[in-house]
C-alpha atoms as a PDB file:
ATOM      1  CA  MET A   1     104.084  56.853  99.309  1.00  0.00           C
ATOM      2  CA  ALA A   2     105.438  54.804  96.678  1.00  0.00           C
ATOM      3  CA  LEU A   3     105.836  51.799  99.021  1.00  0.00           C
ATOM      4  CA  PHE A   4     102.219  52.148 100.060  1.00  0.00           C
ATOM      5  CA  ALA A   5     101.184  52.372  96.324  1.00  0.00           C
ATOM      6  CA  ILE A   6     102.803  48.672  95.333  1.00  0.00           C
ATOM      7  CA  TRP A   7      99.965  46.969  97.582  1.00  0.00           C
ATOM      8  CA  PHE A   8      97.260  47.972  95.307  1.00  0.00           C
ATOM      9  CA  THR A   9      98.052  45.713  92.436  1.00  0.00           C
ATOM     10  CA  SER A  10      94.859  45.657  90.945  1.00  0.00           C
ATOM     11  CA  ARG A  11      95.535  49.429  89.678  1.00  0.00           C
ATOM     12  CA  ASN A  12      98.411  48.098  87.479  1.00  0.00           C
ATOM     13  CA  ARG A  13      96.233  45.773  85.180  1.00  0.00           C
ATOM     14  CA  PRO A  14      92.929  45.762  83.264  1.00  0.00           C
ATOM     15  CA  VAL A  15      90.132  44.154  85.561  1.00  0.00           C
ATOM     16  CA  PRO A  16      86.979  43.015  83.794  1.00  0.00           C
ATOM     17  CA  ILE A  17      83.754  43.958  86.015  1.00  0.00           C
ATOM     18  CA  THR A  18      82.227  40.421  85.109  1.00  0.00           C
ATOM     19  CA  ASP A  19      84.614  39.126  87.758  1.00  0.00           C
ATOM     20  CA  VAL A  20      83.456  38.731  91.305  1.00  0.00           C
ATOM     21  CA  GLN A  21      85.353  41.783  92.245  1.00  0.00           C
ATOM     22  CA  ASN A  22      82.955  42.881  95.280  1.00  0.00           C
ATOM     23  CA  SER A  23      84.496  39.424  97.279  1.00  0.00           C
ATOM     24  CA  LYS A  24      88.369  40.143  97.146  1.00  0.00           C
ATOM     25  CA  GLN A  25      89.570  36.970  98.353  1.00  0.00           C
ATOM     26  CA  LYS A  26      92.869  36.747  99.920  1.00  0.00           C
ATOM     27  CA  ALA A  27      94.815  34.452 101.916  1.00  0.00           C
ATOM     28  CA  PRO A  28      95.626  34.960 105.663  1.00  0.00           C
ATOM     29  CA  ALA A  29      99.348  34.999 104.585  1.00  0.00           C
ATOM     30  CA  LEU A  30      98.812  37.971 102.306  1.00  0.00           C
ATOM     31  CA  VAL A  31      97.165  40.032 105.164  1.00  0.00           C
ATOM     32  CA  SER A  32     100.377  42.373 104.870  1.00  0.00           C
ATOM     33  CA  PRO A  33     100.244  43.230 101.303  1.00  0.00           C
ATOM     34  CA  VAL A  34      96.510  44.470 101.501  1.00  0.00           C
ATOM     35  CA  GLN A  35      97.291  46.716 104.765  1.00  0.00           C
ATOM     36  CA  PHE A  36      96.219  50.305 104.277  1.00  0.00           C
ATOM     37  CA  GLY A  37      97.775  53.610 105.918  1.00  0.00           C
ATOM     38  CA  LYS A  38      97.259  57.274 106.349  1.00  0.00           C
ATOM     39  CA  LYS A  39     100.279  59.300 107.489  1.00  0.00           C
ATOM     40  CA  ALA A  40     100.066  60.403 111.362  1.00  0.00           C
ATOM     41  CA  GLY A  41     100.322  64.491 111.365  1.00  0.00           C
ATOM     42  CA  PRO A  42     103.385  65.789 113.477  1.00  0.00           C
ATOM     43  CA  THR A  43     103.018  67.077 117.173  1.00  0.00           C
ATOM     44  CA  GLY A  44     101.260  70.450 117.518  1.00  0.00           C
ATOM     45  CA  GLN A  45      99.414  70.177 114.160  1.00  0.00           C
ATOM     46  CA  PRO A  46      95.602  70.897 114.343  1.00  0.00           C
ATOM     47  CA  SER A  47      93.419  68.136 114.934  1.00  0.00           C
ATOM     48  CA  PRO A  48      91.728  66.597 111.739  1.00  0.00           C
ATOM     49  CA  GLU A  49      88.121  66.887 111.012  1.00  0.00           C
ATOM     50  CA  ARG A  50      85.983  64.770 113.264  1.00  0.00           C
ATOM     51  CA  LEU A  51      83.733  62.383 111.077  1.00  0.00           C
ATOM     52  CA  PRO A  52      80.445  60.806 112.088  1.00  0.00           C
ATOM     53  CA  LEU A  53      81.101  57.200 113.199  1.00  0.00           C
ATOM     54  CA  MET A  54      79.485  54.245 111.638  1.00  0.00           C
ATOM     55  CA  GLU A  55      79.520  51.003 113.675  1.00  0.00           C
ATOM     56  CA  MET A  56      80.898  47.684 112.616  1.00  0.00           C
ATOM     57  CA  LYS A  57      80.015  44.467 114.676  1.00  0.00           C
ATOM     58  CA  GLU A  58      81.544  40.811 114.468  1.00  0.00           C
ATOM     59  CA  GLY A  59      79.372  38.071 113.628  1.00  0.00           C
ATOM     60  CA  ASN A  60      78.799  34.788 112.111  1.00  0.00           C
ATOM     61  CA  TYR A  61      78.455  34.786 108.139  1.00  0.00           C
ATOM     62  CA  VAL A  62      78.772  32.346 105.186  1.00  0.00           C
ATOM     63  CA  VAL A  63      79.008  33.887 101.554  1.00  0.00           C
ATOM     64  CA  ASP A  64      76.942  32.435  99.076  1.00  0.00           C
ATOM     65  CA  TYR A  65      79.327  32.805  96.283  1.00  0.00           C
ATOM     66  CA  ALA A  66      76.912  31.193  93.709  1.00  0.00           C
ATOM     67  CA  ALA A  67      74.253  33.734  94.301  1.00  0.00           C
ATOM     68  CA  LEU A  68      77.348  36.569  94.412  1.00  0.00           C
ATOM     69  CA  SER A  69      78.353  35.265  91.110  1.00  0.00           C
ATOM     70  CA  ARG A  70      75.045  35.137  89.353  1.00  0.00           C
ATOM     71  CA  SER A  71      74.350  39.144  90.583  1.00  0.00           C
ATOM     72  CA  LEU A  72      77.460  39.971  88.561  1.00  0.00           C
ATOM     73  CA  GLU A  73      76.496  38.262  85.386  1.00  0.00           C
ATOM     74  CA  ASN A  74      75.818  40.347  82.206  1.00  0.00           C
ATOM     75  CA  PRO A  75      76.528  43.626  83.772  1.00  0.00           C
ATOM     76  CA  PRO A  76      75.167  46.610  81.861  1.00  0.00           C
ATOM     77  CA  TYR A  77      78.605  48.507  81.899  1.00  0.00           C
ATOM     78  CA  GLU A  78      82.229  47.027  80.874  1.00  0.00           C
ATOM     79  CA  PHE A  79      85.641  48.220  81.401  1.00  0.00           C
ATOM     80  CA  ARG A  80      87.695  47.845  78.210  1.00  0.00           C
ATOM     81  CA  GLY A  81      91.539  48.611  77.604  1.00  0.00           C
ATOM     82  CA  GLY A  82      94.758  48.347  79.660  1.00  0.00           C
ATOM     83  CA  ALA A  83      96.034  49.627  82.876  1.00  0.00           C
ATOM     84  CA  GLY A  84      95.571  53.547  83.105  1.00  0.00           C
ATOM     85  CA  ILE A  85      94.472  53.843  79.450  1.00  0.00           C
ATOM     86  CA  GLY A  86      90.870  51.977  79.989  1.00  0.00           C
ATOM     87  CA  ARG A  87      87.456  53.068  79.408  1.00  0.00           C
ATOM     88  CA  VAL A  88      83.938  52.454  80.347  1.00  0.00           C
ATOM     89  CA  ILE A  89      81.528  51.241  77.693  1.00  0.00           C
ATOM     90  CA  ASP A  90      77.655  50.104  77.697  1.00  0.00           C
ATOM     91  CA  LYS A  91      76.360  46.887  76.254  1.00  0.00           C
ATOM     92  CA  GLU A  92      76.237  48.677  72.694  1.00  0.00           C
ATOM     93  CA  GLY A  93      79.992  49.528  72.834  1.00  0.00           C
ATOM     94  CA  LYS A  94      79.389  53.536  73.248  1.00  0.00           C
ATOM     95  CA  VAL A  95      82.024  54.641  75.445  1.00  0.00           C
ATOM     96  CA  LEU A  96      80.695  56.478  78.546  1.00  0.00           C
ATOM     97  CA  LEU A  97      83.999  57.513  80.075  1.00  0.00           C
ATOM     98  CA  ASP A  98      87.600  57.305  78.465  1.00  0.00           C
ATOM     99  CA  SER A  99      90.960  57.890  80.156  1.00  0.00           C
ATOM    100  CA  GLY A 100      92.471  61.431  79.869  1.00  0.00           C
ATOM    101  CA  LYS A 101      93.818  64.345  81.699  1.00  0.00           C
ATOM    102  CA  GLU A 102      90.967  64.140  84.420  1.00  0.00           C
ATOM    103  CA  ILE A 103      91.462  60.344  85.060  1.00  0.00           C
ATOM    104  CA  GLY A 104      93.709  57.350  83.883  1.00  0.00           C
ATOM    105  CA  ILE A 105      91.393  54.357  84.314  1.00  0.00           C
ATOM    106  CA  PHE A 106      92.325  51.266  85.814  1.00  0.00           C
ATOM    107  CA  GLY A 107      89.322  49.490  86.515  1.00  0.00           C
ATOM    108  CA  ALA A 108      85.481  49.710  86.746  1.00  0.00           C
ATOM    109  CA  VAL A 109      82.919  48.197  89.178  1.00  0.00           C
ATOM    110  CA  VAL A 110      79.246  48.076  88.513  1.00  0.00           C
ATOM    111  CA  GLY A 111      77.273  48.904  91.910  1.00  0.00           C
ATOM    112  CA  PRO A 112      74.985  46.285  93.312  1.00  0.00           C
ATOM    113  CA  ASN A 113      71.775  48.075  91.942  1.00  0.00           C
ATOM    114  CA  ARG A 114      73.531  48.292  88.402  1.00  0.00           C
ATOM    115  CA  GLU A 115      72.804  52.272  88.245  1.00  0.00           C
ATOM    116  CA  HIS A 116      76.437  53.323  89.316  1.00  0.00           C
ATOM    117  CA  VAL A 117      79.821  52.531  88.175  1.00  0.00           C
ATOM    118  CA  LEU A 118      82.837  52.895  90.444  1.00  0.00           C
ATOM    119  CA  VAL A 119      85.594  54.174  88.218  1.00  0.00           C
ATOM    120  CA  GLU A 120      89.209  53.587  89.578  1.00  0.00           C
ATOM    121  CA  GLY A 121      92.113  55.735  88.945  1.00  0.00           C
ATOM    122  CA  ALA A 122      95.505  55.891  90.239  1.00  0.00           C
ATOM    123  CA  GLU A 123      96.812  57.719  93.194  1.00  0.00           C
ATOM    124  CA  GLY A 124      93.217  57.990  94.840  1.00  0.00           C
ATOM    125  CA  LYS A 125      91.387  59.446  91.932  1.00  0.00           C
ATOM    126  CA  ASN A 126      88.161  57.828  91.720  1.00  0.00           C
ATOM    127  CA  PHE A 127      84.512  58.385  90.520  1.00  0.00           C
ATOM    128  CA  VAL A 128      81.140  57.328  90.481  1.00  0.00           C
ATOM    129  CA  LEU A 129      79.670  57.281  87.224  1.00  0.00           C
ATOM    130  CA  THR A 130      76.057  57.392  86.546  1.00  0.00           C
ATOM    131  CA  PRO A 131      75.445  56.335  83.162  1.00  0.00           C
ATOM    132  CA  ALA A 132      71.572  57.176  83.011  1.00  0.00           C
ATOM    133  CA  THR A 133      72.304  60.762  83.745  1.00  0.00           C
ATOM    134  CA  GLY A 134      76.021  61.259  82.786  1.00  0.00           C
ATOM    135  CA  GLY A 135      76.897  62.394  86.211  1.00  0.00           C
ATOM    136  CA  LYS A 136      80.064  61.901  87.626  1.00  0.00           C
ATOM    137  CA  LEU A 137      80.719  62.274  91.544  1.00  0.00           C
ATOM    138  CA  LYS A 138      84.353  62.545  92.664  1.00  0.00           C
ATOM    139  CA  LEU A 139      85.110  60.272  95.730  1.00  0.00           C
ATOM    140  CA  PRO A 140      87.303  61.686  98.392  1.00  0.00           C
ATOM    141  CA  VAL A 141      90.962  61.175  97.817  1.00  0.00           C
ATOM    142  CA  CYS A 142      91.995  61.005 101.171  1.00  0.00           C
ATOM    143  CA  PRO A 143      90.424  60.893 104.909  1.00  0.00           C
ATOM    144  CA  PRO A 144      90.775  64.316 106.691  1.00  0.00           C
ATOM    145  CA  GLY A 145      93.943  64.861 108.473  1.00  0.00           C
ATOM    146  CA  ALA A 146      97.717  65.287 107.482  1.00  0.00           C
ATOM    147  CA  ASN A 147      99.961  62.549 105.928  1.00  0.00           C
ATOM    148  CA  MET A 148      96.814  60.677 104.696  1.00  0.00           C
ATOM    149  CA  PHE A 149      97.175  57.538 102.150  1.00  0.00           C
ATOM    150  CA  PRO A 150      94.692  57.523  99.468  1.00  0.00           C
ATOM    151  CA  LEU A 151      91.463  55.641 100.031  1.00  0.00           C
ATOM    152  CA  ASP A 152      90.710  52.466  98.207  1.00  0.00           C
ATOM    153  CA  TRP A 153      87.145  51.851  97.562  1.00  0.00           C
ATOM    154  CA  ASP A 154      84.755  48.689  97.319  1.00  0.00           C
ATOM    155  CA  TRP A 155      80.903  48.687  97.049  1.00  0.00           C
ATOM    156  CA  ILE A 156      79.397  47.756 100.242  1.00  0.00           C
ATOM    157  CA  GLY A 157      75.922  48.487  99.363  1.00  0.00           C
ATOM    158  CA  GLU A 158      73.652  49.941  96.693  1.00  0.00           C
ATOM    159  CA  GLN A 159      74.771  53.768  97.850  1.00  0.00           C
ATOM    160  CA  SER A 160      77.607  52.884  99.858  1.00  0.00           C
ATOM    161  CA  LEU A 161      81.561  52.611  99.549  1.00  0.00           C
ATOM    162  CA  LEU A 162      83.828  50.849 101.820  1.00  0.00           C
ATOM    163  CA  GLY A 163      87.108  53.108 101.773  1.00  0.00           C
ATOM    164  CA  LYS A 164      90.220  51.689 103.054  1.00  0.00           C
ATOM    165  CA  SER A 165      93.065  53.546 104.737  1.00  0.00           C
ATOM    166  CA  GLY A 166      95.357  53.766 107.925  1.00  0.00           C
ATOM    167  CA  VAL A 167      98.117  55.632 109.683  1.00  0.00           C
ATOM    168  CA  GLU A 168     101.488  55.412 108.383  1.00  0.00           C
ATOM    169  CA  ARG A 169     104.318  54.274 110.888  1.00  0.00           C
ATOM    170  CA  LEU A 170     106.978  56.958 111.519  1.00  0.00           C
ATOM    171  CA  GLY A 171     110.801  56.569 112.127  1.00  0.00           C
ATOM    172  CA  PRO A 172     112.770  57.972 115.087  1.00  0.00           C
ATOM    173  CA  ASP A 173     113.343  60.978 112.978  1.00  0.00           C
ATOM    174  CA  GLY A 174     109.426  61.620 112.936  1.00  0.00           C
ATOM    175  CA  LYS A 175     109.536  60.691 109.055  1.00  0.00           C
ATOM    176  CA  PRO A 176     107.575  57.982 107.259  1.00  0.00           C
ATOM    177  CA  VAL A 177     109.553  54.643 107.193  1.00  0.00           C
ATOM    178  CA  LYS A 178     110.989  53.221 103.892  1.00  0.00           C
ATOM    179  CA  THR A 179     110.006  49.448 104.803  1.00  0.00           C
ATOM    180  CA  GLU A 180     107.312  47.302 103.990  1.00  0.00           C
ATOM    181  CA  ASP A 181     106.446  47.447 107.707  1.00  0.00           C
ATOM    182  CA  ASN A 182     104.898  51.146 107.125  1.00  0.00           C
ATOM    183  CA  VAL A 183     101.325  50.921 108.587  1.00  0.00           C
ATOM    184  CA  ALA A 184     100.726  51.612 112.145  1.00  0.00           C
ATOM    185  CA  GLU A 185      97.166  51.447 112.312  1.00  0.00           C
ATOM    186  CA  SER A 186      94.505  50.462 109.644  1.00  0.00           C
ATOM    187  CA  LYS A 187      91.515  52.277 109.121  1.00  0.00           C
ATOM    188  CA  LEU A 188      87.797  52.002 107.346  1.00  0.00           C
ATOM    189  CA  TYR A 189      85.632  54.504 106.019  1.00  0.00           C
ATOM    190  CA  VAL A 190      82.056  54.495 104.348  1.00  0.00           C
ATOM    191  CA  TYR A 191      81.097  56.890 101.819  1.00  0.00           C
ATOM    192  CA  ASP A 192      77.145  57.446 101.091  1.00  0.00           C
ATOM    193  CA  LEU A 193      76.418  58.509  97.501  1.00  0.00           C
ATOM    194  CA  LYS A 194      73.190  60.036  98.600  1.00  0.00           C
ATOM    195  CA  THR A 195      74.233  62.658 101.102  1.00  0.00           C
ATOM    196  CA  LYS A 196      78.091  62.683 100.109  1.00  0.00           C
ATOM    197  CA  GLN A 197      78.988  62.000 103.580  1.00  0.00           C
ATOM    198  CA  LEU A 198      82.184  60.258 104.748  1.00  0.00           C
ATOM    199  CA  SER A 199      82.084  58.441 108.064  1.00  0.00           C
ATOM    200  CA  GLU A 200      84.666  56.724 109.844  1.00  0.00           C
ATOM    201  CA  VAL A 201      83.903  52.972 110.704  1.00  0.00           C
ATOM    202  CA  ALA A 202      83.837  52.367 114.360  1.00  0.00           C
ATOM    203  CA  LEU A 203      86.130  48.929 114.539  1.00  0.00           C
ATOM    204  CA  PRO A 204      85.355  45.944 116.692  1.00  0.00           C
ATOM    205  CA  GLU A 205      87.665  46.045 120.013  1.00  0.00           C
ATOM    206  CA  LYS A 206      90.222  43.495 118.438  1.00  0.00           C
ATOM    207  CA  PHE A 207      90.979  45.577 115.288  1.00  0.00           C
ATOM    208  CA  THR A 208      90.834  48.938 117.000  1.00  0.00           C
ATOM    209  CA  HIS A 209      94.370  50.833 117.014  1.00  0.00           C
ATOM    210  CA  ALA A 210      95.681  47.635 115.067  1.00  0.00           C
ATOM    211  CA  VAL A 211      97.039  46.603 111.651  1.00  0.00           C
ATOM    212  CA  PHE A 212      94.730  44.217 109.679  1.00  0.00           C
ATOM    213  CA  GLY A 213      94.113  43.081 106.226  1.00  0.00           C
ATOM    214  CA  VAL A 214      90.577  43.229 104.308  1.00  0.00           C
ATOM    215  CA  MET A 215      90.286  39.769 102.798  1.00  0.00           C
ATOM    216  CA  GLU A 216      86.931  40.264 101.033  1.00  0.00           C
ATOM    217  CA  VAL A 217      84.208  42.793 100.751  1.00  0.00           C
ATOM    218  CA  ILE A 218      80.396  41.848 100.033  1.00  0.00           C
ATOM    219  CA  PRO A 219      77.970  44.300  98.654  1.00  0.00           C
ATOM    220  CA  ASP A 220      75.434  43.336 101.698  1.00  0.00           C
ATOM    221  CA  GLY A 221      77.698  45.224 104.242  1.00  0.00           C
ATOM    222  CA  HIS A 222      80.076  42.206 105.293  1.00  0.00           C
ATOM    223  CA  VAL A 223      83.679  42.692 105.375  1.00  0.00           C
ATOM    224  CA  HIS A 224      86.058  39.846 106.012  1.00  0.00           C
ATOM    225  CA  LEU A 225      89.067  40.927 108.511  1.00  0.00           C
ATOM    226  CA  ALA A 226      92.312  39.337 109.230  1.00  0.00           C
ATOM    227  CA  LEU A 227      94.542  40.371 112.061  1.00  0.00           C
ATOM    228  CA  GLU A 228      97.893  40.940 111.447  1.00  0.00           C
ATOM    229  CA  GLY A 229     100.604  38.813 113.393  1.00  0.00           C
ATOM    230  CA  SER A 230      97.774  36.515 114.067  1.00  0.00           C
ATOM    231  CA  GLU A 231      95.542  33.652 112.825  1.00  0.00           C
ATOM    232  CA  TYR A 232      92.578  35.531 113.978  1.00  0.00           C
ATOM    233  CA  THR A 233      90.165  36.337 110.951  1.00  0.00           C
ATOM    234  CA  SER A 234      86.609  37.699 111.702  1.00  0.00           C
ATOM    235  CA  TRP A 235      83.356  38.251 109.599  1.00  0.00           C
ATOM    236  CA  CYS A 236      81.853  41.998 110.370  1.00  0.00           C
ATOM    237  CA  LYS A 237      78.975  43.530 109.431  1.00  0.00           C
ATOM    238  CA  ILE A 238      78.492  47.402 108.829  1.00  0.00           C
ATOM    239  CA  ALA A 239      75.106  48.916 108.964  1.00  0.00           C
ATOM    240  CA  THR A 240      75.371  50.981 105.798  1.00  0.00           C
ATOM    241  CA  PRO A 241      72.485  53.456 104.901  1.00  0.00           C
END
């Protein structure tokens, strides 16, 4: 599990939410460091819960980075403080959520409709905070099944989050490998805040049963994928609720 944790370097530094965080830009050469994984269960173990499927299709797409940047200007809520000891505040400086026993806050990302805040903690502990009501929704830590890696989240719609995970590579002894090449298959999921439903993304054929990296995530439902061991990259669209 420790090997997998090093891929999520953003959890170890403060991330101001005024940055263009919903567009995670990574060069194709960095695909391996953004792989995700879940651990495959041993033979004979009960099958994991079957999740509904949400289709993803490849297509042509050009990001309007200027418009994306403008949409993130003057956020109503901000992240302040250091990694693991941060807090979420409003524009008046009032603390809405502070680090403590419940969660050590590593970052916060305001949603596209500016009504919700994705609060990022360590080891898959993440919340969606709704400041207007004070509500806190705890997000799934892992997808269903044995030996799952924690989900890492990005906004992909006004009421939807993209979760990144995958299948961990096992050695001949049936135990997880202790090398950087520890991902057997990448997986994506979508969480609907309204229904509190987790769905698995039905990936395009080239990315099914493959290891890939997520280069960018846009809140309009577009995801930029890069296939490991190849120069192939593709913009894909998820039909989010």
